[in-house]
Amino acid sequence: MNPATQRPATREVGAVRRAAPRPPPRSPQKVPRGVFRGTGRGRSDHGFGTVELVLLVPAIVLAVLLVVAVGRVEQARLQVTGAARDSARAASLDGMA
């Protein structure tokens, strides 16, 4: 017989077939202190956002400062290149006069 098609256990009482009595419902389990019902999270998760913030903010600030530093170095390089070009042009024009 296929287990998926089996009927629940029954007990015959006289001519009427009744389903077997269900066991009494379990009493609600006690919830330990600090555990919230329905969330599946305990008190150990409190403050985790603060820890993430403390760890991530310095990394983000460091990344921003790195971008600023790279920009300043690139600007200085362009200024030196421009000054060298201008001085080379001025030196070449002095020889023509």
PDB file of N, CA and C in Angstrom:
ATOM      1  N   MET A   1       0.839  -1.174   0.000  1.00  0.00           N
ATOM      2  CA  MET A   1       0.000   0.000   0.000  1.00  0.00           C
ATOM      3  C   MET A   1       0.889   1.244   0.000  1.00  0.00           C
ATOM      4  N   ASN A   2       0.486   2.234  -0.740  1.00  0.00           N
ATOM      5  CA  ASN A   2       1.246   3.469  -0.848  1.00  0.00           C
ATOM      6  C   ASN A   2       1.086   4.290   0.439  1.00  0.00           C
ATOM      7  N   PRO A   3       2.211   4.701   1.109  1.00  0.00           N
ATOM      8  CA  PRO A   3       2.088   5.448   2.372  1.00  0.00           C
ATOM      9  C   PRO A   3       1.411   6.802   2.194  1.00  0.00           C
ATOM     10  N   ALA A   4       1.464   7.376   0.996  1.00  0.00           N
ATOM     11  CA  ALA A   4       0.851   8.685   0.790  1.00  0.00           C
ATOM     12  C   ALA A   4      -0.665   8.585   0.782  1.00  0.00           C
ATOM     13  N   THR A   5      -1.211   7.410   0.456  1.00  0.00           N
ATOM     14  CA  THR A   5      -2.664   7.265   0.375  1.00  0.00           C
ATOM     15  C   THR A   5      -3.250   6.605   1.607  1.00  0.00           C
ATOM     16  N   GLN A   6      -2.446   6.284   2.608  1.00  0.00           N
ATOM     17  CA  GLN A   6      -2.957   5.635   3.809  1.00  0.00           C
ATOM     18  C   GLN A   6      -3.824   6.603   4.598  1.00  0.00           C
ATOM     19  N   ARG A   7      -4.830   6.054   5.214  1.00  0.00           N
ATOM     20  CA  ARG A   7      -5.709   6.845   6.070  1.00  0.00           C
ATOM     21  C   ARG A   7      -5.107   6.926   7.465  1.00  0.00           C
ATOM     22  N   PRO A   8      -5.477   7.964   8.232  1.00  0.00           N
ATOM     23  CA  PRO A   8      -4.975   8.016   9.610  1.00  0.00           C
ATOM     24  C   PRO A   8      -5.513   6.844  10.423  1.00  0.00           C
ATOM     25  N   ALA A   9      -4.808   6.530  11.473  1.00  0.00           N
ATOM     26  CA  ALA A   9      -5.215   5.410  12.315  1.00  0.00           C
ATOM     27  C   ALA A   9      -6.614   5.683  12.862  1.00  0.00           C
ATOM     28  N   THR A  10      -7.472   4.670  12.811  1.00  0.00           N
ATOM     29  CA  THR A  10      -8.844   4.836  13.292  1.00  0.00           C
ATOM     30  C   THR A  10      -9.138   3.760  14.328  1.00  0.00           C
ATOM     31  N   ARG A  11     -10.163   4.055  15.078  1.00  0.00           N
ATOM     32  CA  ARG A  11     -10.628   3.103  16.076  1.00  0.00           C
ATOM     33  C   ARG A  11     -12.116   2.904  15.831  1.00  0.00           C
ATOM     34  N   GLU A  12     -12.518   1.674  15.774  1.00  0.00           N
ATOM     35  CA  GLU A  12     -13.934   1.418  15.536  1.00  0.00           C
ATOM     36  C   GLU A  12     -14.675   1.406  16.855  1.00  0.00           C
ATOM     37  N   VAL A  13     -15.744   2.216  16.885  1.00  0.00           N
ATOM     38  CA  VAL A  13     -16.610   2.228  18.066  1.00  0.00           C
ATOM     39  C   VAL A  13     -18.011   1.926  17.565  1.00  0.00           C
ATOM     40  N   GLY A  14     -18.444   0.752  17.844  1.00  0.00           N
ATOM     41  CA  GLY A  14     -19.756   0.350  17.339  1.00  0.00           C
ATOM     42  C   GLY A  14     -19.714   0.331  15.826  1.00  0.00           C
ATOM     43  N   ALA A  15     -20.659   0.991  15.203  1.00  0.00           N
ATOM     44  CA  ALA A  15     -20.725   1.032  13.755  1.00  0.00           C
ATOM     45  C   ALA A  15     -20.060   2.291  13.216  1.00  0.00           C
ATOM     46  N   VAL A  16     -19.649   3.208  14.102  1.00  0.00           N
ATOM     47  CA  VAL A  16     -19.065   4.486  13.679  1.00  0.00           C
ATOM     48  C   VAL A  16     -17.553   4.391  13.780  1.00  0.00           C
ATOM     49  N   ARG A  17     -16.889   4.803  12.699  1.00  0.00           N
ATOM     50  CA  ARG A  17     -15.421   4.816  12.724  1.00  0.00           C
ATOM     51  C   ARG A  17     -14.981   6.228  13.056  1.00  0.00           C
ATOM     52  N   ARG A  18     -14.175   6.364  14.058  1.00  0.00           N
ATOM     53  CA  ARG A  18     -13.675   7.670  14.454  1.00  0.00           C
ATOM     54  C   ARG A  18     -12.158   7.679  14.349  1.00  0.00           C
ATOM     55  N   ALA A  19     -11.639   8.844  14.068  1.00  0.00           N
ATOM     56  CA  ALA A  19     -10.186   8.989  14.012  1.00  0.00           C
ATOM     57  C   ALA A  19      -9.620   8.841  15.410  1.00  0.00           C
ATOM     58  N   ALA A  20      -8.397   8.371  15.472  1.00  0.00           N
ATOM     59  CA  ALA A  20      -7.743   8.202  16.766  1.00  0.00           C
ATOM     60  C   ALA A  20      -7.629   9.549  17.449  1.00  0.00           C
ATOM     61  N   PRO A  21      -7.773   9.601  18.759  1.00  0.00           N
ATOM     62  CA  PRO A  21      -7.697  10.898  19.456  1.00  0.00           C
ATOM     63  C   PRO A  21      -6.292  11.496  19.326  1.00  0.00           C
ATOM     64  N   ARG A  22      -6.288  12.787  19.200  1.00  0.00           N
ATOM     65  CA  ARG A  22      -5.008  13.490  19.099  1.00  0.00           C
ATOM     66  C   ARG A  22      -4.410  13.650  20.481  1.00  0.00           C
ATOM     67  N   PRO A  23      -3.084  13.661  20.554  1.00  0.00           N
ATOM     68  CA  PRO A  23      -2.469  13.876  21.865  1.00  0.00           C
ATOM     69  C   PRO A  23      -2.759  15.302  22.329  1.00  0.00           C
ATOM     70  N   PRO A  24      -2.763  15.530  23.623  1.00  0.00           N
ATOM     71  CA  PRO A  24      -3.042  16.887  24.123  1.00  0.00           C
ATOM     72  C   PRO A  24      -1.963  17.860  23.637  1.00  0.00           C
ATOM     73  N   PRO A  25      -2.341  19.121  23.445  1.00  0.00           N
ATOM     74  CA  PRO A  25      -1.337  20.091  22.972  1.00  0.00           C
ATOM     75  C   PRO A  25      -0.242  20.287  24.005  1.00  0.00           C
ATOM     76  N   ARG A  26       0.946  20.553  23.487  1.00  0.00           N
ATOM     77  CA  ARG A  26       2.079  20.770  24.389  1.00  0.00           C
ATOM     78  C   ARG A  26       1.934  22.102  25.094  1.00  0.00           C
ATOM     79  N   SER A  27       2.428  22.128  26.287  1.00  0.00           N
ATOM     80  CA  SER A  27       2.412  23.410  26.994  1.00  0.00           C
ATOM     81  C   SER A  27       3.471  24.304  26.355  1.00  0.00           C
ATOM     82  N   PRO A  28       3.231  25.614  26.334  1.00  0.00           N
ATOM     83  CA  PRO A  28       4.213  26.498  25.693  1.00  0.00           C
ATOM     84  C   PRO A  28       5.566  26.396  26.390  1.00  0.00           C
ATOM     85  N   GLN A  29       6.593  26.366  25.566  1.00  0.00           N
ATOM     86  CA  GLN A  29       7.929  26.255  26.138  1.00  0.00           C
ATOM     87  C   GLN A  29       8.336  27.587  26.739  1.00  0.00           C
ATOM     88  N   LYS A  30       9.090  27.483  27.799  1.00  0.00           N
ATOM     89  CA  LYS A  30       9.583  28.707  28.407  1.00  0.00           C
ATOM     90  C   LYS A  30      10.680  29.289  27.523  1.00  0.00           C
ATOM     91  N   VAL A  31      10.611  30.590  27.333  1.00  0.00           N
ATOM     92  CA  VAL A  31      11.597  31.282  26.523  1.00  0.00           C
ATOM     93  C   VAL A  31      12.661  31.832  27.459  1.00  0.00           C
ATOM     94  N   PRO A  32      13.947  31.508  27.201  1.00  0.00           N
ATOM     95  CA  PRO A  32      14.997  32.021  28.076  1.00  0.00           C
ATOM     96  C   PRO A  32      15.029  33.546  28.065  1.00  0.00           C
ATOM     97  N   ARG A  33      15.533  34.107  29.135  1.00  0.00           N
ATOM     98  CA  ARG A  33      15.647  35.572  29.211  1.00  0.00           C
ATOM     99  C   ARG A  33      16.531  36.071  28.089  1.00  0.00           C
ATOM    100  N   GLY A  34      16.126  37.180  27.488  1.00  0.00           N
ATOM    101  CA  GLY A  34      16.938  37.801  26.453  1.00  0.00           C
ATOM    102  C   GLY A  34      16.670  37.268  25.066  1.00  0.00           C
ATOM    103  N   VAL A  35      15.784  36.293  24.945  1.00  0.00           N
ATOM    104  CA  VAL A  35      15.468  35.761  23.624  1.00  0.00           C
ATOM    105  C   VAL A  35      14.092  36.291  23.251  1.00  0.00           C
ATOM    106  N   PHE A  36      13.983  36.837  22.069  1.00  0.00           N
ATOM    107  CA  PHE A  36      12.734  37.429  21.630  1.00  0.00           C
ATOM    108  C   PHE A  36      11.950  36.406  20.844  1.00  0.00           C
ATOM    109  N   ARG A  37      10.667  36.340  21.085  1.00  0.00           N
ATOM    110  CA  ARG A  37       9.832  35.382  20.370  1.00  0.00           C
ATOM    111  C   ARG A  37       9.624  35.826  18.940  1.00  0.00           C
ATOM    112  N   GLY A  38       9.713  34.888  18.016  1.00  0.00           N
ATOM    113  CA  GLY A  38       9.388  35.163  16.629  1.00  0.00           C
ATOM    114  C   GLY A  38      10.538  35.730  15.808  1.00  0.00           C
ATOM    115  N   THR A  39      11.582  36.220  16.445  1.00  0.00           N
ATOM    116  CA  THR A  39      12.665  36.802  15.663  1.00  0.00           C
ATOM    117  C   THR A  39      13.791  35.821  15.440  1.00  0.00           C
ATOM    118  N   GLY A  40      13.943  34.844  16.313  1.00  0.00           N
ATOM    119  CA  GLY A  40      15.021  33.884  16.164  1.00  0.00           C
ATOM    120  C   GLY A  40      16.375  34.478  16.517  1.00  0.00           C
ATOM    121  N   ARG A  41      16.364  35.657  17.109  1.00  0.00           N
ATOM    122  CA  ARG A  41      17.624  36.320  17.459  1.00  0.00           C
ATOM    123  C   ARG A  41      17.693  36.471  18.972  1.00  0.00           C
ATOM    124  N   GLY A  42      18.845  36.247  19.495  1.00  0.00           N
ATOM    125  CA  GLY A  42      19.030  36.399  20.925  1.00  0.00           C
ATOM    126  C   GLY A  42      19.624  37.747  21.263  1.00  0.00           C
ATOM    127  N   ARG A  43      19.847  37.959  22.536  1.00  0.00           N
ATOM    128  CA  ARG A  43      20.381  39.229  22.995  1.00  0.00           C
ATOM    129  C   ARG A  43      21.816  39.435  22.518  1.00  0.00           C
ATOM    130  N   SER A  44      22.493  38.373  22.108  1.00  0.00           N
ATOM    131  CA  SER A  44      23.877  38.505  21.653  1.00  0.00           C
ATOM    132  C   SER A  44      23.978  39.315  20.369  1.00  0.00           C
ATOM    133  N   ASP A  45      22.870  39.494  19.633  1.00  0.00           N
ATOM    134  CA  ASP A  45      22.885  40.267  18.396  1.00  0.00           C
ATOM    135  C   ASP A  45      22.737  41.765  18.640  1.00  0.00           C
ATOM    136  N   HIS A  46      22.425  42.162  19.854  1.00  0.00           N
ATOM    137  CA  HIS A  46      22.273  43.582  20.135  1.00  0.00           C
ATOM    138  C   HIS A  46      23.616  44.277  20.018  1.00  0.00           C
ATOM    139  N   GLY A  47      23.635  45.438  19.391  1.00  0.00           N
ATOM    140  CA  GLY A  47      24.860  46.203  19.247  1.00  0.00           C
ATOM    141  C   GLY A  47      25.705  45.788  18.070  1.00  0.00           C
ATOM    142  N   PHE A  48      25.245  44.831  17.287  1.00  0.00           N
ATOM    143  CA  PHE A  48      26.042  44.372  16.157  1.00  0.00           C
ATOM    144  C   PHE A  48      26.156  45.455  15.097  1.00  0.00           C
ATOM    145  N   GLY A  49      25.113  46.252  14.938  1.00  0.00           N
ATOM    146  CA  GLY A  49      25.161  47.372  13.994  1.00  0.00           C
ATOM    147  C   GLY A  49      26.200  48.394  14.393  1.00  0.00           C
ATOM    148  N   THR A  50      26.342  48.611  15.682  1.00  0.00           N
ATOM    149  CA  THR A  50      27.357  49.545  16.172  1.00  0.00           C
ATOM    150  C   THR A  50      28.754  49.026  15.867  1.00  0.00           C
ATOM    151  N   VAL A  51      28.952  47.743  16.033  1.00  0.00           N
ATOM    152  CA  VAL A  51      30.258  47.150  15.733  1.00  0.00           C
ATOM    153  C   VAL A  51      30.574  47.291  14.248  1.00  0.00           C
ATOM    154  N   GLU A  52      29.575  47.034  13.405  1.00  0.00           N
ATOM    155  CA  GLU A  52      29.790  47.202  11.965  1.00  0.00           C
ATOM    156  C   GLU A  52      30.137  48.645  11.639  1.00  0.00           C
ATOM    157  N   LEU A  53      29.447  49.581  12.263  1.00  0.00           N
ATOM    158  CA  LEU A  53      29.702  50.993  12.015  1.00  0.00           C
ATOM    159  C   LEU A  53      31.112  51.366  12.446  1.00  0.00           C
ATOM    160  N   VAL A  54      31.525  50.897  13.599  1.00  0.00           N
ATOM    161  CA  VAL A  54      32.862  51.213  14.097  1.00  0.00           C
ATOM    162  C   VAL A  54      33.942  50.633  13.192  1.00  0.00           C
ATOM    163  N   LEU A  55      33.685  49.485  12.593  1.00  0.00           N
ATOM    164  CA  LEU A  55      34.679  48.869  11.715  1.00  0.00           C
ATOM    165  C   LEU A  55      34.668  49.458  10.307  1.00  0.00           C
ATOM    166  N   LEU A  56      33.499  49.869   9.823  1.00  0.00           N
ATOM    167  CA  LEU A  56      33.401  50.328   8.441  1.00  0.00           C
ATOM    168  C   LEU A  56      33.710  51.803   8.259  1.00  0.00           C
ATOM    169  N   VAL A  57      33.379  52.647   9.226  1.00  0.00           N
ATOM    170  CA  VAL A  57      33.601  54.092   9.065  1.00  0.00           C
ATOM    171  C   VAL A  57      35.076  54.411   8.848  1.00  0.00           C
ATOM    172  N   PRO A  58      36.014  53.875   9.622  1.00  0.00           N
ATOM    173  CA  PRO A  58      37.424  54.183   9.337  1.00  0.00           C
ATOM    174  C   PRO A  58      37.861  53.724   7.945  1.00  0.00           C
ATOM    175  N   ALA A  59      37.353  52.595   7.485  1.00  0.00           N
ATOM    176  CA  ALA A  59      37.716  52.109   6.146  1.00  0.00           C
ATOM    177  C   ALA A  59      37.177  53.049   5.071  1.00  0.00           C
ATOM    178  N   ILE A  60      35.959  53.534   5.254  1.00  0.00           N
ATOM    179  CA  ILE A  60      35.378  54.462   4.277  1.00  0.00           C
ATOM    180  C   ILE A  60      36.126  55.790   4.290  1.00  0.00           C
ATOM    181  N   VAL A  61      36.452  56.302   5.474  1.00  0.00           N
ATOM    182  CA  VAL A  61      37.202  57.559   5.579  1.00  0.00           C
ATOM    183  C   VAL A  61      38.578  57.395   4.938  1.00  0.00           C
ATOM    184  N   LEU A  62      39.222  56.257   5.170  1.00  0.00           N
ATOM    185  CA  LEU A  62      40.526  55.998   4.569  1.00  0.00           C
ATOM    186  C   LEU A  62      40.431  55.966   3.044  1.00  0.00           C
ATOM    187  N   ALA A  63      39.381  55.364   2.505  1.00  0.00           N
ATOM    188  CA  ALA A  63      39.202  55.321   1.057  1.00  0.00           C
ATOM    189  C   ALA A  63      39.003  56.724   0.488  1.00  0.00           C
ATOM    190  N   VAL A  64      38.223  57.554   1.158  1.00  0.00           N
ATOM    191  CA  VAL A  64      38.007  58.930   0.696  1.00  0.00           C
ATOM    192  C   VAL A  64      39.309  59.715   0.736  1.00  0.00           C
ATOM    193  N   LEU A  65      40.061  59.575   1.819  1.00  0.00           N
ATOM    194  CA  LEU A  65      41.347  60.279   1.921  1.00  0.00           C
ATOM    195  C   LEU A  65      42.323  59.794   0.855  1.00  0.00           C
ATOM    196  N   LEU A  66      42.299  58.533   0.532  1.00  0.00           N
ATOM    197  CA  LEU A  66      43.164  57.994  -0.519  1.00  0.00           C
ATOM    198  C   LEU A  66      42.806  58.596  -1.880  1.00  0.00           C
ATOM    199  N   VAL A  67      41.525  58.730  -2.162  1.00  0.00           N
ATOM    200  CA  VAL A  67      41.098  59.338  -3.422  1.00  0.00           C
ATOM    201  C   VAL A  67      41.554  60.792  -3.484  1.00  0.00           C
ATOM    202  N   VAL A  68      41.418  61.522  -2.382  1.00  0.00           N
ATOM    203  CA  VAL A  68      41.851  62.924  -2.343  1.00  0.00           C
ATOM    204  C   VAL A  68      43.358  63.015  -2.553  1.00  0.00           C
ATOM    205  N   ALA A  69      44.118  62.133  -1.909  1.00  0.00           N
ATOM    206  CA  ALA A  69      45.576  62.161  -2.041  1.00  0.00           C
ATOM    207  C   ALA A  69      46.009  61.859  -3.476  1.00  0.00           C
ATOM    208  N   VAL A  70      45.381  60.896  -4.104  1.00  0.00           N
ATOM    209  CA  VAL A  70      45.716  60.568  -5.490  1.00  0.00           C
ATOM    210  C   VAL A  70      45.393  61.755  -6.395  1.00  0.00           C
ATOM    211  N   GLY A  71      44.282  62.420  -6.149  1.00  0.00           N
ATOM    212  CA  GLY A  71      43.924  63.604  -6.926  1.00  0.00           C
ATOM    213  C   GLY A  71      44.936  64.725  -6.779  1.00  0.00           C
ATOM    214  N   ARG A  72      45.417  64.930  -5.567  1.00  0.00           N
ATOM    215  CA  ARG A  72      46.414  65.990  -5.341  1.00  0.00           C
ATOM    216  C   ARG A  72      47.741  65.656  -6.023  1.00  0.00           C
ATOM    217  N   VAL A  73      48.147  64.401  -5.979  1.00  0.00           N
ATOM    218  CA  VAL A  73      49.389  63.992  -6.641  1.00  0.00           C
ATOM    219  C   VAL A  73      49.262  64.183  -8.148  1.00  0.00           C
ATOM    220  N   GLU A  74      48.119  63.820  -8.699  1.00  0.00           N
ATOM    221  CA  GLU A  74      47.910  63.973 -10.138  1.00  0.00           C
ATOM    222  C   GLU A  74      47.905  65.454 -10.533  1.00  0.00           C
ATOM    223  N   GLN A  75      47.292  66.287  -9.710  1.00  0.00           N
ATOM    224  CA  GLN A  75      47.285  67.720  -9.994  1.00  0.00           C
ATOM    225  C   GLN A  75      48.707  68.287  -9.968  1.00  0.00           C
ATOM    226  N   ALA A  76      49.514  67.872  -8.991  1.00  0.00           N
ATOM    227  CA  ALA A  76      50.900  68.340  -8.909  1.00  0.00           C
ATOM    228  C   ALA A  76      51.695  67.873 -10.130  1.00  0.00           C
ATOM    229  N   ARG A  77      51.471  66.644 -10.559  1.00  0.00           N
ATOM    230  CA  ARG A  77      52.170  66.132 -11.738  1.00  0.00           C
ATOM    231  C   ARG A  77      51.820  66.951 -12.988  1.00  0.00           C
ATOM    232  N   LEU A  78      50.565  67.289 -13.133  1.00  0.00           N
ATOM    233  CA  LEU A  78      50.140  68.096 -14.277  1.00  0.00           C
ATOM    234  C   LEU A  78      50.753  69.502 -14.230  1.00  0.00           C
ATOM    235  N   GLN A  79      50.849  70.066 -13.025  1.00  0.00           N
ATOM    236  CA  GLN A  79      51.459  71.394 -12.895  1.00  0.00           C
ATOM    237  C   GLN A  79      52.936  71.357 -13.276  1.00  0.00           C
ATOM    238  N   VAL A  80      53.649  70.320 -12.843  1.00  0.00           N
ATOM    239  CA  VAL A  80      55.070  70.205 -13.195  1.00  0.00           C
ATOM    240  C   VAL A  80      55.230  70.011 -14.699  1.00  0.00           C
ATOM    241  N   THR A  81      54.389  69.176 -15.287  1.00  0.00           N
ATOM    242  CA  THR A  81      54.444  68.961 -16.740  1.00  0.00           C
ATOM    243  C   THR A  81      54.160  70.262 -17.483  1.00  0.00           C
ATOM    244  N   GLY A  82      53.179  71.023 -17.055  1.00  0.00           N
ATOM    245  CA  GLY A  82      52.843  72.299 -17.682  1.00  0.00           C
ATOM    246  C   GLY A  82      53.966  73.311 -17.548  1.00  0.00           C
ATOM    247  N   ALA A  83      54.587  73.357 -16.369  1.00  0.00           N
ATOM    248  CA  ALA A  83      55.700  74.294 -16.154  1.00  0.00           C
ATOM    249  C   ALA A  83      56.892  73.909 -17.030  1.00  0.00           C
ATOM    250  N   ALA A  84      57.183  72.627 -17.178  1.00  0.00           N
ATOM    251  CA  ALA A  84      58.291  72.184 -18.028  1.00  0.00           C
ATOM    252  C   ALA A  84      58.005  72.534 -19.485  1.00  0.00           C
ATOM    253  N   ARG A  85      56.781  72.337 -19.923  1.00  0.00           N
ATOM    254  CA  ARG A  85      56.408  72.685 -21.294  1.00  0.00           C
ATOM    255  C   ARG A  85      56.553  74.182 -21.539  1.00  0.00           C
ATOM    256  N   ASP A  86      56.074  75.001 -20.590  1.00  0.00           N
ATOM    257  CA  ASP A  86      56.164  76.459 -20.740  1.00  0.00           C
ATOM    258  C   ASP A  86      57.615  76.932 -20.765  1.00  0.00           C
ATOM    259  N   SER A  87      58.452  76.342 -19.894  1.00  0.00           N
ATOM    260  CA  SER A  87      59.850  76.781 -19.860  1.00  0.00           C
ATOM    261  C   SER A  87      60.592  76.339 -21.133  1.00  0.00           C
ATOM    262  N   ALA A  88      60.287  75.161 -21.651  1.00  0.00           N
ATOM    263  CA  ALA A  88      60.912  74.705 -22.884  1.00  0.00           C
ATOM    264  C   ALA A  88      60.490  75.590 -24.058  1.00  0.00           C
ATOM    265  N   ARG A  89      59.219  76.001 -24.076  1.00  0.00           N
ATOM    266  CA  ARG A  89      58.758  76.897 -25.147  1.00  0.00           C
ATOM    267  C   ARG A  89      59.421  78.267 -25.029  1.00  0.00           C
ATOM    268  N   ALA A  90      59.555  78.762 -23.813  1.00  0.00           N
ATOM    269  CA  ALA A  90      60.194  80.072 -23.628  1.00  0.00           C
ATOM    270  C   ALA A  90      61.661  80.013 -24.028  1.00  0.00           C
ATOM    271  N   ALA A  91      62.337  78.904 -23.693  1.00  0.00           N
ATOM    272  CA  ALA A  91      63.759  78.772 -24.055  1.00  0.00           C
ATOM    273  C   ALA A  91      63.929  78.675 -25.566  1.00  0.00           C
ATOM    274  N   SER A  92      63.007  78.012 -26.237  1.00  0.00           N
ATOM    275  CA  SER A  92      63.126  77.891 -27.696  1.00  0.00           C
ATOM    276  C   SER A  92      62.820  79.218 -28.391  1.00  0.00           C
ATOM    277  N   LEU A  93      61.968  80.034 -27.835  1.00  0.00           N
ATOM    278  CA  LEU A  93      61.639  81.322 -28.421  1.00  0.00           C
ATOM    279  C   LEU A  93      62.757  82.345 -28.215  1.00  0.00           C
ATOM    280  N   ASP A  94      63.510  82.244 -27.129  1.00  0.00           N
ATOM    281  CA  ASP A  94      64.621  83.151 -26.842  1.00  0.00           C
ATOM    282  C   ASP A  94      65.740  82.979 -27.886  1.00  0.00           C
ATOM    283  N   GLY A  95      65.936  81.788 -28.327  1.00  0.00           N
ATOM    284  CA  GLY A  95      66.988  81.548 -29.314  1.00  0.00           C
ATOM    285  C   GLY A  95      66.633  82.076 -30.694  1.00  0.00           C
ATOM    286  N   MET A  96      65.351  82.293 -30.971  1.00  0.00           N
ATOM    287  CA  MET A  96      64.921  82.767 -32.283  1.00  0.00           C
ATOM    288  C   MET A  96      65.075  84.271 -32.425  1.00  0.00           C
ATOM    289  N   ALA A  97      65.069  84.988 -31.369  1.00  0.00           N
ATOM    290  CA  ALA A  97      65.083  86.444 -31.472  1.00  0.00           C
ATOM    291  C   ALA A  97      66.442  87.024 -31.692  1.00  0.00           C
TER     292      ALA A  97
END
